[in-house]
Amino acid sequence: MVVVDEELPYPLTSGKRIRTLNLLLRLAGRHRITFIAHRNADPNEAERAKEHLRDHGIEPIVVDRAVPAKSGPGFYARLAMNLFSPLPYSVASHTSPELRQAITDYATRHSVDVWQCEWTPYAEVLRGLPSARRLVIAHNVESLIWQRYHENESNPLRRWYIGEQWRKFARFERRTFAEVDSVVAVSPDDATRLHEEFGARRVEVVDNGVDTEYFRPAERLPDDHDPRRVLFLGSLDWRPNLDGISLLLDRVFPAVRREEPNASLSLVGRNPPEWLKRRVAECDGVQLHASVPDVRPHVARSGVMAVPLRIGGGSRLKILESLASGLPVVSTRIGAEGLCLEPGRHLTIVEDVDAMAGAIVRAIRDPAGARAQAACGREVVLGRYDWSCLAERLEKVWLELGRTRC
């Protein structure tokens, strides 16, 4: 088994890394796994990641070429040049000759049962491998995310460019999902879409999950727990999250503070951009906690999790982590999509961001009722979303592909 990805999935600072590593660690004792990736942007992080994978029986092969930065004049020049490419920018910028060569060299020296592409854009570097069984892990339907960017963009020029990326991604996904041997979706909704809209021949579902031993309700709420503390948890370098945070700061949290003047907001996640740091410094009652080693203390201190997403795909691990910890969740419908959770019983779902403030205020004023709802959600998480049972589901996909190897 060879996994190909953009970077080594350690430390666990994003939902994608959390999913990838939790599933692979549970299968490394029963399968020979090699992980081929571009080097992590932080060289020290890359070394720690290689050591961590080796310690758990996974052999890392790191290609010494960083993925191009997403800022600065060079970034905008690359965006402009991508207008002449048939590939979406996210595919073209991650498809390097160095990575292709590493994959070709490994395929020449080893017999590989299954090549697992851990993010859809990386399927491009696996095209043309002889006698290869290819599996794509579709963490998101990427074209759906770009469609939602397009629908929510007000700047005409940006909207036009995003529309081009959306159409390129739709073509790329349609070709890729039809060519590969199997696709793993992270939710039943995504699986249906991949089959019906993109022509995927074989689609399996391995949901996103949570380590239910690591995330669990505290035996006693900490002294600094405050039901008026609202938590946002997620990678702060992912555009859909930044869009949601802007809505939270512009519209939702000010409306909450008008009803609950002592309410506070904690933003917890990795790699916040400079504009967000400046924005938080200007906002009363808002704190930013960047790249924390453990999110659980922030979960324990908070009274409610807010998921104000209007752009996204797949499903949200942060909702599973919150409910596993007993923290109530208020989410938009897009934020909660892909999860088998019942609105009003397991979490609160609002139709749009403007309705979120009222739902958060109700959770603040009835903390016992909100936590009872979260406890019901935790029961679903324990039964369906634990990583151990999900790893067994992924292993079944591997074994079936391996038996049909060319």
Protein backbone atom coordinates (compact mmCIF):
# COMPACT_ATOMS: atom_id res chain seq x y z
CA MET A 1 0.00 0.00 0.00
CA VAL A 2 1.38 3.40 -1.04
CA VAL A 3 -0.29 6.64 0.04
CA VAL A 4 0.44 9.82 -1.97
CA ASP A 5 -0.33 13.21 -0.45
CA GLU A 6 0.66 16.86 -0.26
CA GLU A 7 2.56 16.56 3.05
CA LEU A 8 3.15 14.16 5.93
CA PRO A 9 0.06 14.13 8.20
CA TYR A 10 1.71 15.14 11.47
CA PRO A 11 1.27 16.95 13.82
CA LEU A 12 -2.50 16.71 13.90
CA THR A 13 -3.29 20.35 13.15
CA SER A 14 -6.01 19.97 10.50
CA GLY A 15 -9.05 17.81 9.90
CA LYS A 16 -7.43 16.19 6.87
CA ARG A 17 -4.31 15.23 8.82
CA ILE A 18 -6.42 13.92 11.69
CA ARG A 19 -8.41 11.65 9.40
CA THR A 20 -5.45 10.39 7.40
CA LEU A 21 -3.20 9.55 10.33
CA ASN A 22 -5.87 8.05 12.59
CA LEU A 23 -6.95 5.61 9.89
CA LEU A 24 -3.42 4.68 8.80
CA LEU A 25 -2.09 4.13 12.33
CA ARG A 26 -4.83 1.61 13.00
CA LEU A 27 -3.91 -0.35 9.87
CA ALA A 28 -0.11 -0.07 9.90
CA GLY A 29 0.28 -3.16 12.08
CA ARG A 30 -1.47 -5.33 9.49
CA HIS A 31 -0.24 -3.78 6.22
CA ARG A 32 3.02 -2.50 4.76
CA ILE A 33 2.35 1.21 4.21
CA THR A 34 4.63 3.69 2.44
CA PHE A 35 3.75 7.41 2.48
CA ILE A 36 5.09 9.54 -0.41
CA ALA A 37 4.60 13.30 -0.06
CA HIS A 38 6.02 16.72 -0.71
CA ARG A 39 7.95 17.98 2.30
CA ASN A 40 6.02 19.92 4.92
CA ALA A 41 6.47 23.68 4.72
CA ASP A 42 8.15 23.70 8.13
CA PRO A 43 11.41 21.64 7.91
CA ASN A 44 11.38 20.90 11.65
CA GLU A 45 7.80 19.68 11.40
CA ALA A 46 8.77 17.46 8.48
CA GLU A 47 11.51 15.76 10.50
CA ARG A 48 9.19 15.17 13.45
CA ALA A 49 6.56 13.81 11.09
CA LYS A 50 8.99 11.33 9.49
CA GLU A 51 10.06 10.11 12.91
CA HIS A 52 6.46 9.75 14.08
CA LEU A 53 5.43 7.73 11.03
CA ARG A 54 8.47 5.44 11.28
CA ASP A 55 7.80 4.88 14.98
CA HIS A 56 4.35 3.57 14.01
CA GLY A 57 5.46 1.32 11.17
CA ILE A 58 4.83 3.65 8.19
CA GLU A 59 7.75 4.36 5.86
CA PRO A 60 7.87 8.02 4.72
CA ILE A 61 9.40 9.15 1.44
CA VAL A 62 9.65 12.93 1.32
CA VAL A 63 10.06 14.79 -1.96
CA ASP A 64 12.20 17.86 -1.38
CA ARG A 65 9.92 20.32 -3.10
CA ALA A 66 7.53 22.52 -1.17
CA VAL A 67 4.10 23.30 -2.55
CA PRO A 68 4.13 26.94 -3.78
CA ALA A 69 3.00 29.61 -1.32
CA LYS A 70 -0.53 30.97 -1.46
CA SER A 71 0.42 34.62 -1.08
CA GLY A 72 2.66 37.25 -2.60
CA PRO A 73 3.23 38.44 -6.19
CA GLY A 74 4.37 34.99 -7.33
CA PHE A 75 1.09 33.46 -6.22
CA TYR A 76 -0.98 35.91 -8.25
CA ALA A 77 1.29 35.40 -11.26
CA ARG A 78 0.71 31.66 -11.03
CA LEU A 79 -3.04 32.23 -10.78
CA ALA A 80 -2.90 34.29 -13.98
CA MET A 81 -0.84 31.68 -15.82
CA ASN A 82 -3.31 28.99 -14.78
CA LEU A 83 -5.86 30.57 -17.09
CA PHE A 84 -3.97 28.82 -19.92
CA SER A 85 -3.97 25.41 -18.23
CA PRO A 86 -6.76 22.82 -18.50
CA LEU A 87 -6.07 21.82 -14.90
CA PRO A 88 -7.42 23.66 -11.84
CA TYR A 89 -4.78 25.67 -9.99
CA SER A 90 -4.87 23.32 -6.98
CA VAL A 91 -4.03 20.40 -9.27
CA ALA A 92 -1.38 22.16 -11.36
CA SER A 93 0.44 23.61 -8.34
CA HIS A 94 0.62 20.22 -6.60
CA THR A 95 1.72 18.22 -9.66
CA SER A 96 5.51 18.36 -9.56
CA PRO A 97 8.09 16.49 -11.70
CA GLU A 98 9.90 15.60 -8.48
CA LEU A 99 6.85 13.83 -7.06
CA ARG A 100 6.17 12.03 -10.34
CA GLN A 101 9.77 10.79 -10.37
CA ALA A 102 9.59 9.54 -6.79
CA ILE A 103 6.41 7.61 -7.60
CA THR A 104 7.91 6.17 -10.80
CA ASP A 105 11.08 5.11 -8.98
CA TYR A 106 9.11 3.39 -6.24
CA ALA A 107 6.83 1.60 -8.73
CA THR A 108 9.90 0.34 -10.62
CA ARG A 109 11.44 -1.22 -7.49
CA HIS A 110 8.32 -2.48 -5.68
CA SER A 111 5.15 -4.42 -6.34
CA VAL A 112 2.29 -2.24 -5.06
CA ASP A 113 -1.17 -3.67 -4.41
CA VAL A 114 -2.96 -0.32 -4.12
CA TRP A 115 -1.97 3.31 -4.69
CA GLN A 116 -4.04 5.58 -2.45
CA CYS A 117 -4.36 9.20 -3.47
CA GLU A 118 -5.11 11.02 -0.22
CA TRP A 119 -6.45 14.19 -1.85
CA THR A 120 -8.21 14.31 -5.22
CA PRO A 121 -5.74 16.76 -6.91
CA TYR A 122 -2.96 14.20 -6.37
CA ALA A 123 -4.67 11.71 -8.67
CA GLU A 124 -2.97 13.56 -11.53
CA VAL A 125 0.51 12.32 -10.54
CA LEU A 126 -0.74 8.72 -10.50
CA ARG A 127 -2.04 8.78 -14.07
CA GLY A 128 -0.14 6.47 -16.39
CA LEU A 129 1.19 4.06 -13.77
CA PRO A 130 1.21 0.60 -15.37
CA SER A 131 -0.83 -2.17 -13.72
CA ALA A 132 -1.79 0.09 -10.80
CA ARG A 133 -4.94 -0.14 -8.71
CA ARG A 134 -5.76 3.46 -7.83
CA LEU A 135 -7.93 4.59 -4.92
CA VAL A 136 -8.91 8.25 -4.41
CA ILE A 137 -9.90 9.53 -0.97
CA ALA A 138 -12.36 12.33 -1.69
CA HIS A 139 -12.19 14.38 1.51
CA ASN A 140 -14.44 16.83 -0.31
CA VAL A 141 -16.14 17.14 -3.66
CA GLU A 142 -13.78 19.94 -4.65
CA SER A 143 -15.96 21.35 -7.43
CA LEU A 144 -18.82 21.76 -4.94
CA ILE A 145 -16.60 23.93 -2.75
CA TRP A 146 -15.67 26.07 -5.75
CA GLN A 147 -19.32 26.32 -6.73
CA ARG A 148 -20.08 27.66 -3.26
CA TYR A 149 -17.17 30.10 -3.47
CA HIS A 150 -18.69 31.32 -6.73
CA GLU A 151 -22.18 31.69 -5.25
CA ASN A 152 -20.90 33.75 -2.31
CA GLU A 153 -18.38 35.98 -4.10
CA SER A 154 -19.54 39.57 -4.72
CA ASN A 155 -16.47 40.93 -6.56
CA PRO A 156 -17.19 40.47 -10.31
CA LEU A 157 -13.59 39.76 -11.35
CA ARG A 158 -12.99 37.30 -8.53
CA ARG A 159 -16.35 35.68 -9.21
CA TRP A 160 -15.39 35.17 -12.86
CA TYR A 161 -12.03 33.60 -11.97
CA ILE A 162 -13.61 31.36 -9.33
CA GLY A 163 -16.17 30.27 -11.91
CA GLU A 164 -13.33 29.18 -14.19
CA GLN A 165 -11.78 27.15 -11.38
CA TRP A 166 -15.16 25.59 -10.58
CA ARG A 167 -15.63 24.43 -14.17
CA LYS A 168 -12.06 23.12 -14.40
CA PHE A 169 -12.49 21.15 -11.19
CA ALA A 170 -15.78 19.66 -12.36
CA ARG A 171 -14.10 18.42 -15.56
CA PHE A 172 -11.07 17.14 -13.63
CA GLU A 173 -13.18 15.27 -11.08
CA ARG A 174 -15.44 13.78 -13.73
CA ARG A 175 -12.44 12.40 -15.61
CA THR A 176 -10.60 11.25 -12.48
CA PHE A 177 -13.48 9.49 -10.75
CA ALA A 178 -14.36 7.66 -13.97
CA GLU A 179 -10.77 6.46 -14.46
CA VAL A 180 -9.73 5.23 -11.01
CA ASP A 181 -10.60 1.83 -9.60
CA SER A 182 -12.39 3.10 -6.49
CA VAL A 183 -13.31 6.29 -4.67
CA VAL A 184 -13.83 6.65 -0.93
CA ALA A 185 -16.29 9.37 0.08
CA VAL A 186 -16.50 10.73 3.63
CA SER A 187 -20.31 10.79 3.74
CA PRO A 188 -23.29 9.08 2.11
CA ASP A 189 -24.30 12.42 0.55
CA ASP A 190 -20.92 12.78 -1.15
CA ALA A 191 -21.02 9.16 -2.32
CA THR A 192 -24.34 9.72 -4.06
CA ARG A 193 -23.04 12.87 -5.73
CA LEU A 194 -19.84 11.18 -6.91
CA HIS A 195 -21.77 8.34 -8.49
CA GLU A 196 -24.66 10.25 -10.03
CA GLU A 197 -22.99 13.50 -11.08
CA PHE A 198 -19.39 12.45 -11.72
CA GLY A 199 -19.70 8.90 -13.02
CA ALA A 200 -17.60 7.22 -10.35
CA ARG A 201 -17.78 3.50 -11.08
CA ARG A 202 -17.26 2.27 -7.55
CA VAL A 203 -17.80 4.44 -4.48
CA GLU A 204 -17.42 3.36 -0.86
CA VAL A 205 -18.15 5.41 2.27
CA VAL A 206 -15.63 5.72 5.10
CA ASP A 207 -16.97 8.53 7.26
CA ASN A 208 -14.89 11.09 9.04
CA GLY A 209 -14.48 10.11 12.66
CA VAL A 210 -13.13 10.87 16.10
CA ASP A 211 -10.95 9.24 18.75
CA THR A 212 -13.65 8.70 21.37
CA GLU A 213 -11.11 7.84 24.05
CA TYR A 214 -9.20 11.08 23.49
CA PHE A 215 -12.30 13.28 23.15
CA ARG A 216 -14.69 12.60 26.01
CA PRO A 217 -16.64 14.70 28.50
CA ALA A 218 -14.66 15.97 31.46
CA GLU A 219 -15.56 14.27 34.74
CA ARG A 220 -15.96 17.76 36.18
CA LEU A 221 -16.22 21.05 34.30
CA PRO A 222 -13.08 23.17 34.84
CA ASP A 223 -13.23 26.21 37.09
CA ASP A 224 -12.88 28.51 34.08
CA HIS A 225 -15.76 26.90 32.18
CA ASP A 226 -18.20 29.57 31.03
CA PRO A 227 -21.50 28.77 29.26
CA ARG A 228 -21.23 32.23 27.65
CA ARG A 229 -17.97 31.32 25.88
CA VAL A 230 -18.51 30.55 22.19
CA LEU A 231 -15.89 28.41 20.48
CA PHE A 232 -14.82 28.29 16.84
CA LEU A 233 -12.44 25.42 16.10
CA GLY A 234 -10.76 24.75 12.75
CA SER A 235 -7.77 25.38 10.51
CA LEU A 236 -7.33 29.12 10.14
CA ASP A 237 -5.56 28.82 6.80
CA TRP A 238 -8.53 27.18 5.03
CA ARG A 239 -10.63 29.62 3.05
CA PRO A 240 -14.10 28.25 3.99
CA ASN A 241 -13.20 28.58 7.68
CA LEU A 242 -11.96 32.13 7.18
CA ASP A 243 -15.18 33.00 5.38
CA GLY A 244 -17.15 31.60 8.34
CA ILE A 245 -15.02 33.50 10.85
CA SER A 246 -15.61 36.76 8.98
CA LEU A 247 -19.35 36.16 9.22
CA LEU A 248 -18.97 35.31 12.89
CA LEU A 249 -17.07 38.52 13.63
CA ASP A 250 -19.14 40.79 11.37
CA ARG A 251 -22.68 39.59 12.11
CA VAL A 252 -23.11 36.70 14.51
CA PHE A 253 -21.02 37.56 17.54
CA PRO A 254 -22.04 41.26 17.68
CA ALA A 255 -25.68 40.11 17.69
CA VAL A 256 -24.93 37.65 20.50
CA ARG A 257 -23.23 40.38 22.55
CA ARG A 258 -26.25 42.63 22.20
CA GLU A 259 -28.28 39.97 24.02
CA GLU A 260 -25.50 38.62 26.26
CA PRO A 261 -22.96 41.43 26.90
CA ASN A 262 -20.62 39.10 28.82
CA ALA A 263 -20.40 36.53 26.05
CA SER A 264 -16.92 35.81 24.68
CA LEU A 265 -15.59 34.17 21.54
CA SER A 266 -12.53 31.90 21.26
CA LEU A 267 -11.01 31.21 17.85
CA VAL A 268 -8.78 28.13 17.99
CA GLY A 269 -6.78 26.81 15.03
CA ARG A 270 -3.53 26.70 13.13
CA ASN A 271 -1.83 29.32 10.97
CA PRO A 272 -4.06 32.39 11.35
CA PRO A 273 -3.36 35.05 8.69
CA GLU A 274 -2.11 38.47 9.74
CA TRP A 275 -5.40 40.17 8.89
CA LEU A 276 -7.22 37.91 11.36
CA LYS A 277 -4.72 38.67 14.11
CA ARG A 278 -5.26 42.39 13.55
CA ARG A 279 -9.02 41.98 13.43
CA VAL A 280 -9.16 40.05 16.70
CA ALA A 281 -7.01 42.67 18.43
CA GLU A 282 -9.71 45.24 17.60
CA CYS A 283 -12.67 43.15 18.84
CA ASP A 284 -13.92 43.18 22.41
CA GLY A 285 -14.50 39.76 23.90
CA VAL A 286 -12.64 37.83 21.19
CA GLN A 287 -9.49 35.78 21.78
CA LEU A 288 -7.29 34.01 19.23
CA HIS A 289 -5.46 30.80 20.19
CA ALA A 290 -3.15 29.82 17.36
CA SER A 291 -1.68 26.37 16.70
CA VAL A 292 -2.40 25.01 20.17
CA PRO A 293 -0.96 21.57 21.05
CA ASP A 294 -4.26 20.33 22.50
CA VAL A 295 -7.73 21.70 21.75
CA ARG A 296 -9.44 19.81 24.58
CA PRO A 297 -8.91 22.48 27.29
CA HIS A 298 -10.59 25.05 25.01
CA VAL A 299 -13.49 22.66 24.37
CA ALA A 300 -13.90 22.06 28.11
CA ARG A 301 -13.94 25.80 28.92
CA SER A 302 -16.61 26.64 26.34
CA GLY A 303 -20.38 26.59 26.48
CA VAL A 304 -21.19 26.13 22.79
CA MET A 305 -19.43 25.43 19.49
CA ALA A 306 -20.33 27.64 16.51
CA VAL A 307 -19.97 26.31 12.94
CA PRO A 308 -20.99 29.26 10.72
CA LEU A 309 -19.99 27.75 7.38
CA ARG A 310 -21.64 28.64 4.07
CA ILE A 311 -18.82 27.11 1.97
CA GLY A 312 -17.53 23.58 2.39
CA GLY A 313 -17.80 19.94 1.51
CA GLY A 314 -17.31 16.54 3.11
CA SER A 315 -18.10 16.62 6.81
CA ARG A 316 -16.77 18.45 9.84
CA LEU A 317 -14.54 16.57 12.30
CA LYS A 318 -14.85 19.46 14.74
CA ILE A 319 -18.55 18.70 15.20
CA LEU A 320 -17.73 15.08 16.02
CA GLU A 321 -14.98 16.14 18.43
CA SER A 322 -17.29 18.61 20.15
CA LEU A 323 -20.14 16.14 20.60
CA ALA A 324 -17.75 13.40 21.73
CA SER A 325 -16.61 15.86 24.41
CA GLY A 326 -20.17 16.78 25.39
CA LEU A 327 -19.99 20.32 23.96
CA PRO A 328 -23.23 21.61 22.36
CA VAL A 329 -23.05 22.56 18.68
CA VAL A 330 -24.86 25.25 16.69
CA SER A 331 -24.24 24.92 12.96
CA THR A 332 -25.47 26.05 9.60
CA ARG A 333 -26.90 23.31 7.42
CA ILE A 334 -23.80 23.34 5.21
CA GLY A 335 -21.60 23.13 8.29
CA ALA A 336 -23.36 19.98 9.48
CA GLU A 337 -23.91 18.28 6.12
CA GLY A 338 -22.65 14.76 5.64
CA LEU A 339 -23.19 13.73 9.26
CA CYS A 340 -25.95 11.34 10.35
CA LEU A 341 -27.15 13.65 13.14
CA GLU A 342 -30.71 14.78 13.77
CA PRO A 343 -31.36 18.54 14.00
CA GLY A 344 -32.91 19.52 17.32
CA ARG A 345 -32.02 16.21 18.92
CA HIS A 346 -28.25 15.90 18.56
CA LEU A 347 -27.29 19.49 17.67
CA THR A 348 -28.91 22.76 16.60
CA ILE A 349 -28.97 23.50 12.87
CA VAL A 350 -29.95 26.90 11.47
CA GLU A 351 -30.84 27.61 7.87
CA ASP A 352 -28.50 30.57 7.50
CA VAL A 353 -25.85 32.49 9.37
CA ASP A 354 -28.24 35.27 10.40
CA ALA A 355 -30.27 32.77 12.47
CA MET A 356 -27.18 31.56 14.30
CA ALA A 357 -26.99 34.34 16.90
CA GLY A 358 -30.43 33.54 18.33
CA ALA A 359 -29.58 29.84 18.56
CA ILE A 360 -26.32 30.59 20.36
CA VAL A 361 -28.10 32.89 22.83
CA ARG A 362 -30.63 30.15 23.59
CA ALA A 363 -27.79 27.70 24.28
CA ILE A 364 -26.11 30.22 26.58
CA ARG A 365 -29.33 30.79 28.55
CA ASP A 366 -30.17 27.08 28.84
CA PRO A 367 -26.81 25.36 29.35
CA ALA A 368 -28.34 22.24 30.91
CA GLY A 369 -30.69 21.74 27.97
CA ALA A 370 -27.88 22.36 25.47
CA ARG A 371 -25.63 19.81 27.18
CA ALA A 372 -28.44 17.26 27.26
CA GLN A 373 -28.73 17.67 23.49
CA ALA A 374 -24.97 17.19 23.12
CA ALA A 375 -25.13 14.02 25.24
CA CYS A 376 -27.62 12.56 22.74
CA GLY A 377 -25.25 13.51 19.94
CA ARG A 378 -22.38 11.79 21.73
CA GLU A 379 -24.27 8.48 21.67
CA VAL A 380 -24.46 8.66 17.87
CA VAL A 381 -20.77 9.53 17.64
CA LEU A 382 -19.81 6.55 19.82
CA GLY A 383 -21.85 4.16 17.73
CA ARG A 384 -20.96 5.35 14.21
CA TYR A 385 -17.90 7.58 14.13
CA ASP A 386 -15.12 5.94 16.15
CA TRP A 387 -11.89 5.66 14.14
CA SER A 388 -11.39 1.96 14.94
CA CYS A 389 -14.53 0.78 13.14
CA LEU A 390 -13.90 3.23 10.29
CA ALA A 391 -10.37 1.85 9.81
CA GLU A 392 -11.85 -1.62 9.40
CA ARG A 393 -14.12 -0.24 6.69
CA LEU A 394 -11.15 1.26 4.84
CA GLU A 395 -9.21 -1.99 5.21
CA LYS A 396 -12.06 -3.84 3.52
CA VAL A 397 -11.74 -1.49 0.52
CA TRP A 398 -7.98 -2.16 0.38
CA LEU A 399 -8.41 -5.92 0.50
CA GLU A 400 -11.07 -5.97 -2.21
CA LEU A 401 -8.90 -3.82 -4.50
CA GLY A 402 -5.84 -5.93 -3.75
CA ARG A 403 -7.66 -9.12 -4.75
CA THR A 404 -8.51 -7.61 -8.13
CA ARG A 405 -4.98 -6.34 -8.79
CA CYS A 406 -3.96 -6.34 -12.44
